[in-house]
Amino acid sequence: FGWEIDDLDESYGAPVDELLFNEGELVLRAYSAKNAEDQVLVTLS
């Protein structure tokens, strides 16, 4: 109660439920493509 919406995307604002994983934290990495205007490459872990 009273958590600010801007905090919810941050790892320190991870919600709590019965099932939890990796202390609520995930990492998104973005890599540039070879050519300009191409979509960047994305991985999650």
PDB file of all heavy atoms in Angstrom:
ATOM      1  N   PHE A   1       0.844  -1.191   0.000  1.00  0.00           N
ATOM      2  CA  PHE A   1       0.000   0.000   0.000  1.00  0.00           C
ATOM      3  C   PHE A   1       0.882   1.244   0.000  1.00  0.00           C
ATOM      4  O   PHE A   1       1.780   1.381   0.826  1.00  0.00           O
ATOM      5  CB  PHE A   1      -0.909   0.003   1.234  1.00  0.00           C
ATOM      6  CG  PHE A   1      -1.832   1.177   1.311  1.00  0.00           C
ATOM      7  CD1 PHE A   1      -3.064   1.151   0.689  1.00  0.00           C
ATOM      8  CD2 PHE A   1      -1.466   2.325   1.998  1.00  0.00           C
ATOM      9  CE1 PHE A   1      -3.919   2.233   0.762  1.00  0.00           C
ATOM     10  CE2 PHE A   1      -2.305   3.423   2.079  1.00  0.00           C
ATOM     11  CZ  PHE A   1      -3.543   3.370   1.450  1.00  0.00           C
ATOM     12  N   GLY A   2       0.634   2.151  -0.940  1.00  0.00           N
ATOM     13  CA  GLY A   2       1.400   3.384  -0.977  1.00  0.00           C
ATOM     14  C   GLY A   2       2.670   3.311  -1.787  1.00  0.00           C
ATOM     15  O   GLY A   2       3.451   4.270  -1.795  1.00  0.00           O
ATOM     16  N   TRP A   3       2.920   2.187  -2.486  1.00  0.00           N
ATOM     17  CA  TRP A   3       4.073   2.137  -3.371  1.00  0.00           C
ATOM     18  C   TRP A   3       3.793   3.017  -4.584  1.00  0.00           C
ATOM     19  O   TRP A   3       2.690   3.012  -5.131  1.00  0.00           O
ATOM     20  CB  TRP A   3       4.338   0.712  -3.831  1.00  0.00           C
ATOM     21  CG  TRP A   3       4.907  -0.182  -2.775  1.00  0.00           C
ATOM     22  CD1 TRP A   3       4.973   0.071  -1.431  1.00  0.00           C
ATOM     23  CD2 TRP A   3       5.468  -1.477  -2.969  1.00  0.00           C
ATOM     24  NE1 TRP A   3       5.539  -0.981  -0.776  1.00  0.00           N
ATOM     25  CE2 TRP A   3       5.856  -1.954  -1.697  1.00  0.00           C
ATOM     26  CE3 TRP A   3       5.679  -2.284  -4.080  1.00  0.00           C
ATOM     27  CZ2 TRP A   3       6.446  -3.202  -1.522  1.00  0.00           C
ATOM     28  CZ3 TRP A   3       6.268  -3.523  -3.908  1.00  0.00           C
ATOM     29  CH2 TRP A   3       6.652  -3.974  -2.637  1.00  0.00           C
ATOM     30  N   GLU A   4       4.786   3.754  -5.022  1.00  0.00           N
ATOM     31  CA  GLU A   4       4.616   4.626  -6.177  1.00  0.00           C
ATOM     32  C   GLU A   4       4.740   3.834  -7.471  1.00  0.00           C
ATOM     33  O   GLU A   4       5.542   2.898  -7.574  1.00  0.00           O
ATOM     34  CB  GLU A   4       5.656   5.749  -6.149  1.00  0.00           C
ATOM     35  CG  GLU A   4       5.430   6.728  -5.013  1.00  0.00           C
ATOM     36  CD  GLU A   4       6.245   7.998  -5.174  1.00  0.00           C
ATOM     37  OE1 GLU A   4       7.116   8.045  -6.059  1.00  0.00           O
ATOM     38  OE2 GLU A   4       5.991   8.949  -4.410  1.00  0.00           O
ATOM     39  N   ILE A   5       3.964   4.210  -8.459  1.00  0.00           N
ATOM     40  CA  ILE A   5       3.940   3.465  -9.714  1.00  0.00           C
ATOM     41  C   ILE A   5       5.300   3.463 -10.395  1.00  0.00           C
ATOM     42  O   ILE A   5       5.682   2.499 -11.063  1.00  0.00           O
ATOM     43  CB  ILE A   5       2.846   4.032 -10.652  1.00  0.00           C
ATOM     44  CG1 ILE A   5       2.635   3.073 -11.835  1.00  0.00           C
ATOM     45  CG2 ILE A   5       3.202   5.447 -11.115  1.00  0.00           C
ATOM     46  CD1 ILE A   5       1.401   3.401 -12.649  1.00  0.00           C
ATOM     47  N   ASP A   6       6.080   4.524 -10.194  1.00  0.00           N
ATOM     48  CA  ASP A   6       7.409   4.581 -10.808  1.00  0.00           C
ATOM     49  C   ASP A   6       8.356   3.547 -10.218  1.00  0.00           C
ATOM     50  O   ASP A   6       9.378   3.214 -10.837  1.00  0.00           O
ATOM     51  CB  ASP A   6       8.014   5.978 -10.625  1.00  0.00           C
ATOM     52  CG  ASP A   6       7.317   7.028 -11.479  1.00  0.00           C
ATOM     53  OD1 ASP A   6       6.599   6.641 -12.427  1.00  0.00           O
ATOM     54  OD2 ASP A   6       7.475   8.236 -11.191  1.00  0.00           O
ATOM     55  N   ASP A   7       8.055   3.044  -9.026  1.00  0.00           N
ATOM     56  CA  ASP A   7       8.922   2.053  -8.393  1.00  0.00           C
ATOM     57  C   ASP A   7       8.679   0.640  -8.913  1.00  0.00           C
ATOM     58  O   ASP A   7       9.530  -0.237  -8.723  1.00  0.00           O
ATOM     59  CB  ASP A   7       8.714   2.052  -6.877  1.00  0.00           C
ATOM     60  CG  ASP A   7       9.203   3.327  -6.215  1.00  0.00           C
ATOM     61  OD1 ASP A   7      10.138   3.945  -6.761  1.00  0.00           O
ATOM     62  OD2 ASP A   7       8.640   3.713  -5.179  1.00  0.00           O
ATOM     63  N   LEU A   8       7.539   0.405  -9.526  1.00  0.00           N
ATOM     64  CA  LEU A   8       7.131  -0.962  -9.817  1.00  0.00           C
ATOM     65  C   LEU A   8       7.961  -1.635 -10.891  1.00  0.00           C
ATOM     66  O   LEU A   8       8.067  -2.867 -10.924  1.00  0.00           O
ATOM     67  CB  LEU A   8       5.643  -1.008 -10.203  1.00  0.00           C
ATOM     68  CG  LEU A   8       4.677  -0.481  -9.133  1.00  0.00           C
ATOM     69  CD1 LEU A   8       3.242  -0.655  -9.587  1.00  0.00           C
ATOM     70  CD2 LEU A   8       4.901  -1.199  -7.799  1.00  0.00           C
ATOM     71  N   ASP A   9       8.553  -0.865 -11.811  1.00  0.00           N
ATOM     72  CA  ASP A   9       9.416  -1.467 -12.827  1.00  0.00           C
ATOM     73  C   ASP A   9      10.804  -1.787 -12.286  1.00  0.00           C
ATOM     74  O   ASP A   9      11.532  -2.581 -12.872  1.00  0.00           O
ATOM     75  CB  ASP A   9       9.568  -0.522 -14.031  1.00  0.00           C
ATOM     76  CG  ASP A   9       8.349  -0.529 -14.941  1.00  0.00           C
ATOM     77  OD1 ASP A   9       7.455  -1.367 -14.711  1.00  0.00           O
ATOM     78  OD2 ASP A   9       8.291   0.292 -15.867  1.00  0.00           O
ATOM     79  N   GLU A  10      11.174  -1.163 -11.182  1.00  0.00           N
ATOM     80  CA  GLU A  10      12.519  -1.336 -10.636  1.00  0.00           C
ATOM     81  C   GLU A  10      12.625  -2.637  -9.839  1.00  0.00           C
ATOM     82  O   GLU A  10      11.650  -3.110  -9.249  1.00  0.00           O
ATOM     83  CB  GLU A  10      12.880  -0.158  -9.728  1.00  0.00           C
ATOM     84  CG  GLU A  10      12.747   1.205 -10.379  1.00  0.00           C
ATOM     85  CD  GLU A  10      13.766   1.428 -11.477  1.00  0.00           C
ATOM     86  OE1 GLU A  10      14.784   0.705 -11.498  1.00  0.00           O
ATOM     87  OE2 GLU A  10      13.555   2.340 -12.307  1.00  0.00           O
ATOM     88  N   SER A  11      13.837  -3.202  -9.799  1.00  0.00           N
ATOM     89  CA  SER A  11      14.017  -4.472  -9.094  1.00  0.00           C
ATOM     90  C   SER A  11      13.725  -4.327  -7.603  1.00  0.00           C
ATOM     91  O   SER A  11      13.252  -5.272  -6.963  1.00  0.00           O
ATOM     92  CB  SER A  11      15.443  -4.983  -9.296  1.00  0.00           C
ATOM     93  OG  SER A  11      16.394  -4.047  -8.845  1.00  0.00           O
ATOM     94  N   TYR A  12      13.975  -3.145  -7.020  1.00  0.00           N
ATOM     95  CA  TYR A  12      13.684  -2.953  -5.596  1.00  0.00           C
ATOM     96  C   TYR A  12      12.183  -2.877  -5.323  1.00  0.00           C
ATOM     97  O   TYR A  12      11.765  -2.948  -4.171  1.00  0.00           O
ATOM     98  CB  TYR A  12      14.386  -1.703  -5.060  1.00  0.00           C
ATOM     99  CG  TYR A  12      13.947  -0.400  -5.690  1.00  0.00           C
ATOM    100  CD1 TYR A  12      12.737   0.197  -5.358  1.00  0.00           C
ATOM    101  CD2 TYR A  12      14.760   0.259  -6.617  1.00  0.00           C
ATOM    102  CE1 TYR A  12      12.340   1.407  -5.926  1.00  0.00           C
ATOM    103  CE2 TYR A  12      14.372   1.462  -7.185  1.00  0.00           C
ATOM    104  CZ  TYR A  12      13.166   2.025  -6.842  1.00  0.00           C
ATOM    105  OH  TYR A  12      12.762   3.206  -7.416  1.00  0.00           O
ATOM    106  N   GLY A  13      11.367  -2.722  -6.375  1.00  0.00           N
ATOM    107  CA  GLY A  13       9.919  -2.691  -6.218  1.00  0.00           C
ATOM    108  C   GLY A  13       9.243  -3.984  -6.650  1.00  0.00           C
ATOM    109  O   GLY A  13       8.064  -3.978  -7.001  1.00  0.00           O
ATOM    110  N   ALA A  14       9.983  -5.091  -6.620  1.00  0.00           N
ATOM    111  CA  ALA A  14       9.422  -6.376  -7.051  1.00  0.00           C
ATOM    112  C   ALA A  14       8.255  -6.797  -6.157  1.00  0.00           C
ATOM    113  O   ALA A  14       8.366  -6.755  -4.930  1.00  0.00           O
ATOM    114  CB  ALA A  14      10.500  -7.448  -7.028  1.00  0.00           C
ATOM    115  N   PRO A  15       7.127  -7.204  -6.757  1.00  0.00           N
ATOM    116  CA  PRO A  15       5.972  -7.651  -5.967  1.00  0.00           C
ATOM    117  C   PRO A  15       6.249  -8.964  -5.235  1.00  0.00           C
ATOM    118  O   PRO A  15       7.267  -9.625  -5.468  1.00  0.00           O
ATOM    119  CB  PRO A  15       4.876  -7.832  -7.025  1.00  0.00           C
ATOM    120  CG  PRO A  15       5.364  -7.111  -8.240  1.00  0.00           C
ATOM    121  CD  PRO A  15       6.848  -7.189  -8.195  1.00  0.00           C
ATOM    122  N   VAL A  16       5.322  -9.351  -4.371  1.00  0.00           N
ATOM    123  CA  VAL A  16       5.460 -10.565  -3.570  1.00  0.00           C
ATOM    124  C   VAL A  16       4.239 -11.450  -3.765  1.00  0.00           C
ATOM    125  O   VAL A  16       3.101 -10.982  -3.701  1.00  0.00           O
ATOM    126  CB  VAL A  16       5.612 -10.213  -2.072  1.00  0.00           C
ATOM    127  CG1 VAL A  16       5.618 -11.476  -1.227  1.00  0.00           C
ATOM    128  CG2 VAL A  16       6.893  -9.434  -1.839  1.00  0.00           C
ATOM    129  N   ASP A  17       4.496 -12.725  -4.018  1.00  0.00           N
ATOM    130  CA  ASP A  17       3.421 -13.706  -4.128  1.00  0.00           C
ATOM    131  C   ASP A  17       3.931 -15.018  -3.533  1.00  0.00           C
ATOM    132  O   ASP A  17       5.067 -15.087  -3.056  1.00  0.00           O
ATOM    133  CB  ASP A  17       3.002 -13.882  -5.593  1.00  0.00           C
ATOM    134  CG  ASP A  17       1.520 -14.214  -5.739  1.00  0.00           C
ATOM    135  OD1 ASP A  17       0.923 -14.663  -4.735  1.00  0.00           O
ATOM    136  OD2 ASP A  17       0.973 -14.031  -6.823  1.00  0.00           O
ATOM    137  N   GLU A  18       3.091 -16.072  -3.598  1.00  0.00           N
ATOM    138  CA  GLU A  18       3.519 -17.348  -3.019  1.00  0.00           C
ATOM    139  C   GLU A  18       4.712 -17.933  -3.750  1.00  0.00           C
ATOM    140  O   GLU A  18       5.582 -18.569  -3.155  1.00  0.00           O
ATOM    141  CB  GLU A  18       2.364 -18.365  -3.043  1.00  0.00           C
ATOM    142  CG  GLU A  18       1.223 -18.037  -2.112  1.00  0.00           C
ATOM    143  CD  GLU A  18       0.251 -17.041  -2.731  1.00  0.00           C
ATOM    144  OE1 GLU A  18       0.417 -16.705  -3.932  1.00  0.00           O
ATOM    145  OE2 GLU A  18      -0.667 -16.593  -2.029  1.00  0.00           O
ATOM    146  N   LEU A  19       4.759 -17.759  -5.068  1.00  0.00           N
ATOM    147  CA  LEU A  19       5.853 -18.269  -5.878  1.00  0.00           C
ATOM    148  C   LEU A  19       6.736 -17.100  -6.304  1.00  0.00           C
ATOM    149  O   LEU A  19       6.251 -16.118  -6.858  1.00  0.00           O
ATOM    150  CB  LEU A  19       5.303 -18.996  -7.116  1.00  0.00           C
ATOM    151  CG  LEU A  19       4.433 -20.222  -6.835  1.00  0.00           C
ATOM    152  CD1 LEU A  19       3.898 -20.799  -8.137  1.00  0.00           C
ATOM    153  CD2 LEU A  19       5.206 -21.280  -6.060  1.00  0.00           C
ATOM    154  N   LEU A  20       8.039 -17.231  -6.060  1.00  0.00           N
ATOM    155  CA  LEU A  20       8.971 -16.152  -6.351  1.00  0.00           C
ATOM    156  C   LEU A  20      10.182 -16.728  -7.059  1.00  0.00           C
ATOM    157  O   LEU A  20      10.526 -17.899  -6.887  1.00  0.00           O
ATOM    158  CB  LEU A  20       9.406 -15.468  -5.060  1.00  0.00           C
ATOM    159  CG  LEU A  20       8.281 -14.875  -4.215  1.00  0.00           C
ATOM    160  CD1 LEU A  20       8.764 -14.612  -2.803  1.00  0.00           C
ATOM    161  CD2 LEU A  20       7.766 -13.602  -4.836  1.00  0.00           C
ATOM    162  N   PHE A  21      10.861 -15.885  -7.835  1.00  0.00           N
ATOM    163  CA  PHE A  21      12.021 -16.356  -8.579  1.00  0.00           C
ATOM    164  C   PHE A  21      13.073 -15.261  -8.686  1.00  0.00           C
ATOM    165  O   PHE A  21      12.746 -14.107  -8.997  1.00  0.00           O
ATOM    166  CB  PHE A  21      11.594 -16.813  -9.985  1.00  0.00           C
ATOM    167  CG  PHE A  21      12.728 -17.290 -10.842  1.00  0.00           C
ATOM    168  CD1 PHE A  21      13.424 -18.442 -10.506  1.00  0.00           C
ATOM    169  CD2 PHE A  21      13.117 -16.584 -11.968  1.00  0.00           C
ATOM    170  CE1 PHE A  21      14.485 -18.894 -11.276  1.00  0.00           C
ATOM    171  CE2 PHE A  21      14.171 -17.020 -12.751  1.00  0.00           C
ATOM    172  CZ  PHE A  21      14.857 -18.177 -12.402  1.00  0.00           C
ATOM    173  N   ASN A  22      14.315 -15.617  -8.426  1.00  0.00           N
ATOM    174  CA  ASN A  22      15.477 -14.748  -8.636  1.00  0.00           C
ATOM    175  C   ASN A  22      15.352 -13.411  -7.899  1.00  0.00           C
ATOM    176  O   ASN A  22      15.778 -12.377  -8.413  1.00  0.00           O
ATOM    177  CB  ASN A  22      15.712 -14.503 -10.133  1.00  0.00           C
ATOM    178  CG  ASN A  22      17.123 -14.038 -10.431  1.00  0.00           C
ATOM    179  OD1 ASN A  22      18.090 -14.607  -9.939  1.00  0.00           O
ATOM    180  ND2 ASN A  22      17.262 -12.996 -11.241  1.00  0.00           N
ATOM    181  N   GLU A  23      14.760 -13.455  -6.705  1.00  0.00           N
ATOM    182  CA  GLU A  23      14.568 -12.249  -5.895  1.00  0.00           C
ATOM    183  C   GLU A  23      13.844 -11.154  -6.680  1.00  0.00           C
ATOM    184  O   GLU A  23      14.048  -9.955  -6.470  1.00  0.00           O
ATOM    185  CB  GLU A  23      15.910 -11.738  -5.358  1.00  0.00           C
ATOM    186  CG  GLU A  23      16.558 -12.740  -4.410  1.00  0.00           C
ATOM    187  CD  GLU A  23      17.830 -12.229  -3.755  1.00  0.00           C
ATOM    188  OE1 GLU A  23      18.255 -11.106  -4.075  1.00  0.00           O
ATOM    189  OE2 GLU A  23      18.399 -12.961  -2.923  1.00  0.00           O
ATOM    190  N   GLY A  24      12.959 -11.596  -7.584  1.00  0.00           N
ATOM    191  CA  GLY A  24      12.104 -10.658  -8.315  1.00  0.00           C
ATOM    192  C   GLY A  24      12.792  -9.874  -9.399  1.00  0.00           C
ATOM    193  O   GLY A  24      12.208  -8.916  -9.924  1.00  0.00           O
ATOM    194  N   GLU A  25      13.999 -10.243  -9.788  1.00  0.00           N
ATOM    195  CA  GLU A  25      14.793  -9.405 -10.691  1.00  0.00           C
ATOM    196  C   GLU A  25      15.058 -10.094 -12.025  1.00  0.00           C
ATOM    197  O   GLU A  25      15.390 -11.278 -12.071  1.00  0.00           O
ATOM    198  CB  GLU A  25      16.123  -9.063 -10.031  1.00  0.00           C
ATOM    199  CG  GLU A  25      17.035  -8.175 -10.849  1.00  0.00           C
ATOM    200  CD  GLU A  25      18.301  -7.812 -10.114  1.00  0.00           C
ATOM    201  OE1 GLU A  25      18.199  -7.112  -9.079  1.00  0.00           O
ATOM    202  OE2 GLU A  25      19.386  -8.249 -10.542  1.00  0.00           O
ATOM    203  N   LEU A  26      14.900  -9.356 -13.121  1.00  0.00           N
ATOM    204  CA  LEU A  26      15.296  -9.851 -14.436  1.00  0.00           C
ATOM    205  C   LEU A  26      16.129  -8.791 -15.133  1.00  0.00           C
ATOM    206  O   LEU A  26      16.054  -7.601 -14.816  1.00  0.00           O
ATOM    207  CB  LEU A  26      14.088 -10.202 -15.304  1.00  0.00           C
ATOM    208  CG  LEU A  26      13.300  -9.052 -15.923  1.00  0.00           C
ATOM    209  CD1 LEU A  26      12.910  -9.390 -17.355  1.00  0.00           C
ATOM    210  CD2 LEU A  26      12.044  -8.771 -15.104  1.00  0.00           C
ATOM    211  N   VAL A  27      16.922  -9.237 -16.094  1.00  0.00           N
ATOM    212  CA  VAL A  27      17.821  -8.339 -16.827  1.00  0.00           C
ATOM    213  C   VAL A  27      17.494  -8.413 -18.311  1.00  0.00           C
ATOM    214  O   VAL A  27      17.424  -9.507 -18.884  1.00  0.00           O
ATOM    215  CB  VAL A  27      19.295  -8.712 -16.598  1.00  0.00           C
ATOM    216  CG1 VAL A  27      20.211  -7.868 -17.480  1.00  0.00           C
ATOM    217  CG2 VAL A  27      19.665  -8.534 -15.128  1.00  0.00           C
ATOM    218  N   LEU A  28      17.264  -7.256 -18.903  1.00  0.00           N
ATOM    219  CA  LEU A  28      17.077  -7.140 -20.353  1.00  0.00           C
ATOM    220  C   LEU A  28      18.331  -6.501 -20.933  1.00  0.00           C
ATOM    221  O   LEU A  28      18.758  -5.438 -20.489  1.00  0.00           O
ATOM    222  CB  LEU A  28      15.845  -6.302 -20.683  1.00  0.00           C
ATOM    223  CG  LEU A  28      15.495  -6.135 -22.173  1.00  0.00           C
ATOM    224  CD1 LEU A  28      13.980  -5.947 -22.338  1.00  0.00           C
ATOM    225  CD2 LEU A  28      16.223  -4.950 -22.815  1.00  0.00           C
ATOM    226  N   ARG A  29      18.914  -7.170 -21.933  1.00  0.00           N
ATOM    227  CA  ARG A  29      20.080  -6.624 -22.632  1.00  0.00           C
ATOM    228  C   ARG A  29      19.708  -6.354 -24.082  1.00  0.00           C
ATOM    229  O   ARG A  29      19.059  -7.184 -24.730  1.00  0.00           O
ATOM    230  CB  ARG A  29      21.266  -7.587 -22.561  1.00  0.00           C
ATOM    231  CG  ARG A  29      21.873  -7.713 -21.168  1.00  0.00           C
ATOM    232  CD  ARG A  29      23.068  -8.658 -21.161  1.00  0.00           C
ATOM    233  NE  ARG A  29      23.771  -8.643 -19.891  1.00  0.00           N
ATOM    234  CZ  ARG A  29      23.459  -9.404 -18.858  1.00  0.00           C
ATOM    235  NH1 ARG A  29      22.423 -10.232 -18.946  1.00  0.00           N
ATOM    236  NH2 ARG A  29      24.148  -9.338 -17.730  1.00  0.00           N
ATOM    237  N   ALA A  30      20.118  -5.203 -24.560  1.00  0.00           N
ATOM    238  CA  ALA A  30      19.852  -4.809 -25.947  1.00  0.00           C
ATOM    239  C   ALA A  30      21.180  -4.619 -26.666  1.00  0.00           C
ATOM    240  O   ALA A  30      22.117  -4.022 -26.098  1.00  0.00           O
ATOM    241  CB  ALA A  30      19.035  -3.524 -25.989  1.00  0.00           C
ATOM    242  N   TYR A  31      21.260  -5.116 -27.886  1.00  0.00           N
ATOM    243  CA  TYR A  31      22.475  -5.016 -28.691  1.00  0.00           C
ATOM    244  C   TYR A  31      22.117  -4.403 -30.040  1.00  0.00           C
ATOM    245  O   TYR A  31      21.092  -4.751 -30.636  1.00  0.00           O
ATOM    246  CB  TYR A  31      23.106  -6.396 -28.901  1.00  0.00           C
ATOM    247  CG  TYR A  31      23.426  -7.133 -27.624  1.00  0.00           C
ATOM    248  CD1 TYR A  31      22.468  -7.954 -27.016  1.00  0.00           C
ATOM    249  CD2 TYR A  31      24.668  -7.010 -27.015  1.00  0.00           C
ATOM    250  CE1 TYR A  31      22.748  -8.638 -25.840  1.00  0.00           C
ATOM    251  CE2 TYR A  31      24.959  -7.699 -25.838  1.00  0.00           C
ATOM    252  CZ  TYR A  31      23.993  -8.504 -25.257  1.00  0.00           C
ATOM    253  OH  TYR A  31      24.275  -9.178 -24.099  1.00  0.00           O
ATOM    254  N   SER A  32      22.979  -3.530 -30.515  1.00  0.00           N
ATOM    255  CA  SER A  32      22.713  -2.907 -31.810  1.00  0.00           C
ATOM    256  C   SER A  32      22.812  -3.940 -32.925  1.00  0.00           C
ATOM    257  O   SER A  32      23.569  -4.922 -32.822  1.00  0.00           O
ATOM    258  CB  SER A  32      23.706  -1.770 -32.063  1.00  0.00           C
ATOM    259  OG  SER A  32      25.021  -2.289 -32.180  1.00  0.00           O
ATOM    260  N   ALA A  33      22.042  -3.719 -33.995  1.00  0.00           N
ATOM    261  CA  ALA A  33      22.145  -4.558 -35.186  1.00  0.00           C
ATOM    262  C   ALA A  33      23.341  -4.114 -36.013  1.00  0.00           C
ATOM    263  O   ALA A  33      23.977  -3.080 -35.743  1.00  0.00           O
ATOM    264  CB  ALA A  33      20.859  -4.462 -35.996  1.00  0.00           C
ATOM    265  N   LYS A  34      23.641  -4.861 -37.056  1.00  0.00           N
ATOM    266  CA  LYS A  34      24.784  -4.528 -37.900  1.00  0.00           C
ATOM    267  C   LYS A  34      24.537  -3.259 -38.699  1.00  0.00           C
ATOM    268  O   LYS A  34      25.445  -2.447 -38.904  1.00  0.00           O
ATOM    269  CB  LYS A  34      25.086  -5.697 -38.838  1.00  0.00           C
ATOM    270  CG  LYS A  34      26.289  -5.484 -39.740  1.00  0.00           C
ATOM    271  CD  LYS A  34      26.557  -6.711 -40.590  1.00  0.00           C
ATOM    272  CE  LYS A  34      27.766  -6.502 -41.495  1.00  0.00           C
ATOM    273  NZ  LYS A  34      28.030  -7.703 -42.337  1.00  0.00           N
ATOM    274  N   ASN A  35      23.298  -3.074 -39.123  1.00  0.00           N
ATOM    275  CA  ASN A  35      22.976  -1.951 -39.988  1.00  0.00           C
ATOM    276  C   ASN A  35      22.060  -0.958 -39.291  1.00  0.00           C
ATOM    277  O   ASN A  35      21.192  -1.334 -38.495  1.00  0.00           O
ATOM    278  CB  ASN A  35      22.291  -2.438 -41.271  1.00  0.00           C
ATOM    279  CG  ASN A  35      23.183  -3.392 -42.062  1.00  0.00           C
ATOM    280  OD1 ASN A  35      24.370  -3.128 -42.248  1.00  0.00           O
ATOM    281  ND2 ASN A  35      22.601  -4.497 -42.517  1.00  0.00           N
ATOM    282  N   ALA A  36      22.240   0.335 -39.591  1.00  0.00           N
ATOM    283  CA  ALA A  36      21.359   1.370 -39.069  1.00  0.00           C
ATOM    284  C   ALA A  36      19.945   1.147 -39.579  1.00  0.00           C
ATOM    285  O   ALA A  36      19.725   0.597 -40.667  1.00  0.00           O
ATOM    286  CB  ALA A  36      21.866   2.745 -39.491  1.00  0.00           C
ATOM    287  N   GLU A  37      18.968   1.529 -38.738  1.00  0.00           N
ATOM    288  CA  GLU A  37      17.536   1.397 -38.995  1.00  0.00           C
ATOM    289  C   GLU A  37      17.010  -0.014 -38.771  1.00  0.00           C
ATOM    290  O   GLU A  37      15.805  -0.236 -38.801  1.00  0.00           O
ATOM    291  CB  GLU A  37      17.159   1.856 -40.426  1.00  0.00           C
ATOM    292  CG  GLU A  37      17.571   3.279 -40.739  1.00  0.00           C
ATOM    293  CD  GLU A  37      16.985   4.284 -39.758  1.00  0.00           C
ATOM    294  OE1 GLU A  37      15.849   4.081 -39.298  1.00  0.00           O
ATOM    295  OE2 GLU A  37      17.683   5.271 -39.445  1.00  0.00           O
ATOM    296  N   ASP A  38      17.915  -0.996 -38.539  1.00  0.00           N
ATOM    297  CA  ASP A  38      17.446  -2.343 -38.219  1.00  0.00           C
ATOM    298  C   ASP A  38      17.065  -2.422 -36.746  1.00  0.00           C
ATOM    299  O   ASP A  38      17.583  -1.675 -35.907  1.00  0.00           O
ATOM    300  CB  ASP A  38      18.519  -3.386 -38.524  1.00  0.00           C
ATOM    301  CG  ASP A  38      18.688  -3.629 -40.007  1.00  0.00           C
ATOM    302  OD1 ASP A  38      17.849  -3.121 -40.787  1.00  0.00           O
ATOM    303  OD2 ASP A  38      19.653  -4.315 -40.397  1.00  0.00           O
ATOM    304  N   GLN A  39      16.175  -3.337 -36.441  1.00  0.00           N
ATOM    305  CA  GLN A  39      15.724  -3.534 -35.059  1.00  0.00           C
ATOM    306  C   GLN A  39      16.885  -4.007 -34.188  1.00  0.00           C
ATOM    307  O   GLN A  39      17.717  -4.820 -34.612  1.00  0.00           O
ATOM    308  CB  GLN A  39      14.592  -4.562 -35.039  1.00  0.00           C
ATOM    309  CG  GLN A  39      13.848  -4.678 -33.733  1.00  0.00           C
ATOM    310  CD  GLN A  39      12.707  -5.687 -33.838  1.00  0.00           C
ATOM    311  OE1 GLN A  39      12.932  -6.843 -34.147  1.00  0.00           O
ATOM    312  NE2 GLN A  39      11.491  -5.222 -33.606  1.00  0.00           N
ATOM    313  N   VAL A  40      16.954  -3.497 -32.957  1.00  0.00           N
ATOM    314  CA  VAL A  40      18.004  -3.953 -32.047  1.00  0.00           C
ATOM    315  C   VAL A  40      17.719  -5.389 -31.614  1.00  0.00           C
ATOM    316  O   VAL A  40      16.590  -5.878 -31.728  1.00  0.00           O
ATOM    317  CB  VAL A  40      18.108  -3.036 -30.808  1.00  0.00           C
ATOM    318  CG1 VAL A  40      18.378  -1.593 -31.213  1.00  0.00           C
ATOM    319  CG2 VAL A  40      16.855  -3.134 -29.950  1.00  0.00           C
ATOM    320  N   LEU A  41      18.726  -6.071 -31.114  1.00  0.00           N
ATOM    321  CA  LEU A  41      18.600  -7.448 -30.646  1.00  0.00           C
ATOM    322  C   LEU A  41      18.392  -7.435 -29.135  1.00  0.00           C
ATOM    323  O   LEU A  41      18.989  -6.625 -28.424  1.00  0.00           O
ATOM    324  CB  LEU A  41      19.844  -8.245 -31.008  1.00  0.00           C
ATOM    325  CG  LEU A  41      20.266  -8.181 -32.483  1.00  0.00           C
ATOM    326  CD1 LEU A  41      21.562  -8.947 -32.696  1.00  0.00           C
ATOM    327  CD2 LEU A  41      19.155  -8.704 -33.382  1.00  0.00           C
ATOM    328  N   VAL A  42      17.553  -8.342 -28.649  1.00  0.00           N
ATOM    329  CA  VAL A  42      17.173  -8.333 -27.234  1.00  0.00           C
ATOM    330  C   VAL A  42      17.334  -9.723 -26.640  1.00  0.00           C
ATOM    331  O   VAL A  42      16.973 -10.729 -27.273  1.00  0.00           O
ATOM    332  CB  VAL A  42      15.711  -7.867 -27.056  1.00  0.00           C
ATOM    333  CG1 VAL A  42      15.304  -7.948 -25.595  1.00  0.00           C
ATOM    334  CG2 VAL A  42      15.540  -6.455 -27.574  1.00  0.00           C
ATOM    335  N   THR A  43      17.868  -9.793 -25.418  1.00  0.00           N
ATOM    336  CA  THR A  43      17.885 -11.037 -24.652  1.00  0.00           C
ATOM    337  C   THR A  43      17.356 -10.760 -23.245  1.00  0.00           C
ATOM    338  O   THR A  43      17.486  -9.647 -22.733  1.00  0.00           O
ATOM    339  CB  THR A  43      19.303 -11.629 -24.532  1.00  0.00           C
ATOM    340  OG1 THR A  43      20.140 -10.737 -23.777  1.00  0.00           O
ATOM    341  CG2 THR A  43      19.909 -11.860 -25.906  1.00  0.00           C
ATOM    342  N   LEU A  44      16.750 -11.783 -22.644  1.00  0.00           N
ATOM    343  CA  LEU A  44      16.270 -11.709 -21.269  1.00  0.00           C
ATOM    344  C   LEU A  44      16.970 -12.780 -20.444  1.00  0.00           C
ATOM    345  O   LEU A  44      17.241 -13.877 -20.938  1.00  0.00           O
ATOM    346  CB  LEU A  44      14.756 -11.934 -21.205  1.00  0.00           C
ATOM    347  CG  LEU A  44      13.817 -10.885 -21.788  1.00  0.00           C
ATOM    348  CD1 LEU A  44      12.382 -11.380 -21.704  1.00  0.00           C
ATOM    349  CD2 LEU A  44      13.973  -9.566 -21.062  1.00  0.00           C
ATOM    350  N   SER A  45      17.237 -12.489 -19.205  1.00  0.00           N
ATOM    351  CA  SER A  45      17.764 -13.491 -18.288  1.00  0.00           C
ATOM    352  C   SER A  45      17.274 -13.174 -16.872  1.00  0.00           C
ATOM    353  O   SER A  45      17.049 -12.008 -16.543  1.00  0.00           O
ATOM    354  CB  SER A  45      19.301 -13.508 -18.315  1.00  0.00           C
ATOM    355  OG  SER A  45      19.828 -12.266 -17.876  1.00  0.00           O
TER     356      SER A  45
END
